[in-house]
């Protein structure tokens, strides 16, 4: 897992939804998520560590391979409460497993940069539910 999360691809930099010349690099998210996951999640809940690992892998694959710049910016806003990484960058980012399954949207606790993902059955489901969550944030689902 360490090698997979630390490996970098040639995805380059991409703009956040706010634009303004600020950029976010996916591998930086990977490092922050890996460090926090190792300390907080895998140590505390070792019986679900494989599920956390799979969700993190899918999440980063979706960010790198499936989402465009605008959606990546929305994910950053959804998970951290900010549309930019700030001067010091993203210091901590956690992915935790939430109760529920394919029908539940992911949730976030922006004060702790925590993304909670249900135990989705596939990367396709994760991608669809994450996109729905970030695109409906701040408005009612019926709007």
Foldseek 3Di string as FASTA:
>chain_A
DVCLLQDDDPLDWAAALVRPPATDGLSVVSVQAVVCCVPPPCVVPVVCSVLQVVVSNLVSCCLRPPDHRHLVLLLCCQQAVDSHQPPVGPNHAYEAEDDDELVDAWHYDNVHSYIYHHSYPDSVSNNVRPSLVSVCPPHDPVD
